């Protein structure tokens, strides 16, 4: 495989398959109220929506 310096549209080793390897679609998330710094530190997250309880062994029952 020859490297011609074309970084934006590289060939990935298969002849005739030049193009994008992958694309991601990430939706824009709205900004929500956040915890104060002390609460965020104790909970392990800044965002209340991500503050999920750890149920551990309770889930295995």
C-alpha atoms as a PDB file:
ATOM      1  CA  UNK A   1       0.000   0.000   0.000  1.00  0.00           C
ATOM      2  CA  UNK A   2       1.385   3.347  -0.994  1.00  0.00           C
ATOM      3  CA  UNK A   3       1.098   6.377   1.285  1.00  0.00           C
ATOM      4  CA  UNK A   4       0.511   9.399  -0.911  1.00  0.00           C
ATOM      5  CA  UNK A   5      -0.139  11.774   1.994  1.00  0.00           C
ATOM      6  CA  UNK A   6      -3.903  11.874   1.451  1.00  0.00           C
ATOM      7  CA  UNK A   7      -5.027  11.902   5.083  1.00  0.00           C
ATOM      8  CA  UNK A   8      -8.616  13.075   4.548  1.00  0.00           C
ATOM      9  CA  UNK A   9      -9.599  10.180   2.289  1.00  0.00           C
ATOM     10  CA  UNK A  10      -7.249   7.281   2.957  1.00  0.00           C
ATOM     11  CA  UNK A  11      -7.406   3.807   1.467  1.00  0.00           C
ATOM     12  CA  UNK A  12      -7.697   1.154   4.151  1.00  0.00           C
ATOM     13  CA  UNK A  13      -5.912  -1.619   2.335  1.00  0.00           C
ATOM     14  CA  UNK A  14      -8.797  -2.804   0.163  1.00  0.00           C
ATOM     15  CA  UNK A  15      -8.637  -1.672  -3.413  1.00  0.00           C
ATOM     16  CA  UNK A  16     -11.537   0.535  -4.457  1.00  0.00           C
ATOM     17  CA  UNK A  17     -12.690   1.188  -0.882  1.00  0.00           C
ATOM     18  CA  UNK A  18     -11.522   4.690  -0.243  1.00  0.00           C
ATOM     19  CA  UNK A  19     -13.624   6.649   2.194  1.00  0.00           C
ATOM     20  CA  UNK A  20     -14.557   7.213   5.765  1.00  0.00           C
ATOM     21  CA  UNK A  21     -13.891   4.385   8.209  1.00  0.00           C
ATOM     22  CA  UNK A  22     -16.644   5.391  10.643  1.00  0.00           C
ATOM     23  CA  UNK A  23     -18.961   8.228  11.525  1.00  0.00           C
ATOM     24  CA  UNK A  24     -20.535   9.041  14.880  1.00  0.00           C
ATOM     25  CA  UNK A  25     -23.808  10.793  15.561  1.00  0.00           C
ATOM     26  CA  UNK A  26     -23.825  12.347  19.000  1.00  0.00           C
ATOM     27  CA  UNK A  27     -26.992  14.199  19.941  1.00  0.00           C
ATOM     28  CA  UNK A  28     -26.662  17.556  21.633  1.00  0.00           C
ATOM     29  CA  UNK A  29     -27.594  17.199  25.275  1.00  0.00           C
ATOM     30  CA  UNK A  30     -29.373  20.013  27.063  1.00  0.00           C
ATOM     31  CA  UNK A  31     -27.583  21.612  30.009  1.00  0.00           C
ATOM     32  CA  UNK A  32     -29.365  20.691  33.225  1.00  0.00           C
ATOM     33  CA  UNK A  33     -28.925  21.984  36.771  1.00  0.00           C
ATOM     34  CA  UNK A  34     -25.873  20.523  38.484  1.00  0.00           C
ATOM     35  CA  UNK A  35     -24.981  19.574  42.043  1.00  0.00           C
ATOM     36  CA  UNK A  36     -22.911  21.919  44.170  1.00  0.00           C
ATOM     37  CA  UNK A  37     -19.263  20.871  44.459  1.00  0.00           C
ATOM     38  CA  UNK A  38     -19.567  19.110  47.844  1.00  0.00           C
ATOM     39  CA  UNK A  39     -22.599  17.050  46.770  1.00  0.00           C
ATOM     40  CA  UNK A  40     -21.043  16.260  43.397  1.00  0.00           C
ATOM     41  CA  UNK A  41     -17.861  15.038  45.070  1.00  0.00           C
ATOM     42  CA  UNK A  42     -19.733  12.790  47.497  1.00  0.00           C
ATOM     43  CA  UNK A  43     -22.055  11.399  44.795  1.00  0.00           C
ATOM     44  CA  UNK A  44     -19.317  10.953  42.199  1.00  0.00           C
ATOM     45  CA  UNK A  45     -21.098  12.954  39.505  1.00  0.00           C
ATOM     46  CA  UNK A  46     -21.908  16.556  38.747  1.00  0.00           C
ATOM     47  CA  UNK A  47     -25.196  15.757  37.050  1.00  0.00           C
ATOM     48  CA  UNK A  48     -28.270  14.561  38.987  1.00  0.00           C
ATOM     49  CA  UNK A  49     -29.493  12.631  35.923  1.00  0.00           C
ATOM     50  CA  UNK A  50     -26.377  10.436  36.151  1.00  0.00           C
ATOM     51  CA  UNK A  51     -26.739   9.856  39.895  1.00  0.00           C
ATOM     52  CA  UNK A  52     -27.944   6.273  39.777  1.00  0.00           C
ATOM     53  CA  UNK A  53     -27.981   3.979  42.814  1.00  0.00           C
ATOM     54  CA  UNK A  54     -25.527   1.105  42.951  1.00  0.00           C
ATOM     55  CA  UNK A  55     -27.549  -1.979  43.776  1.00  0.00           C
ATOM     56  CA  UNK A  56     -24.735  -4.558  43.652  1.00  0.00           C
ATOM     57  CA  UNK A  57     -25.841  -7.870  45.099  1.00  0.00           C
ATOM     58  CA  UNK A  58     -29.484  -6.812  45.186  1.00  0.00           C
ATOM     59  CA  UNK A  59     -29.605  -7.188  41.395  1.00  0.00           C
ATOM     60  CA  UNK A  60     -28.345 -10.771  41.574  1.00  0.00           C
ATOM     61  CA  UNK A  61     -31.339 -12.014  43.597  1.00  0.00           C
END
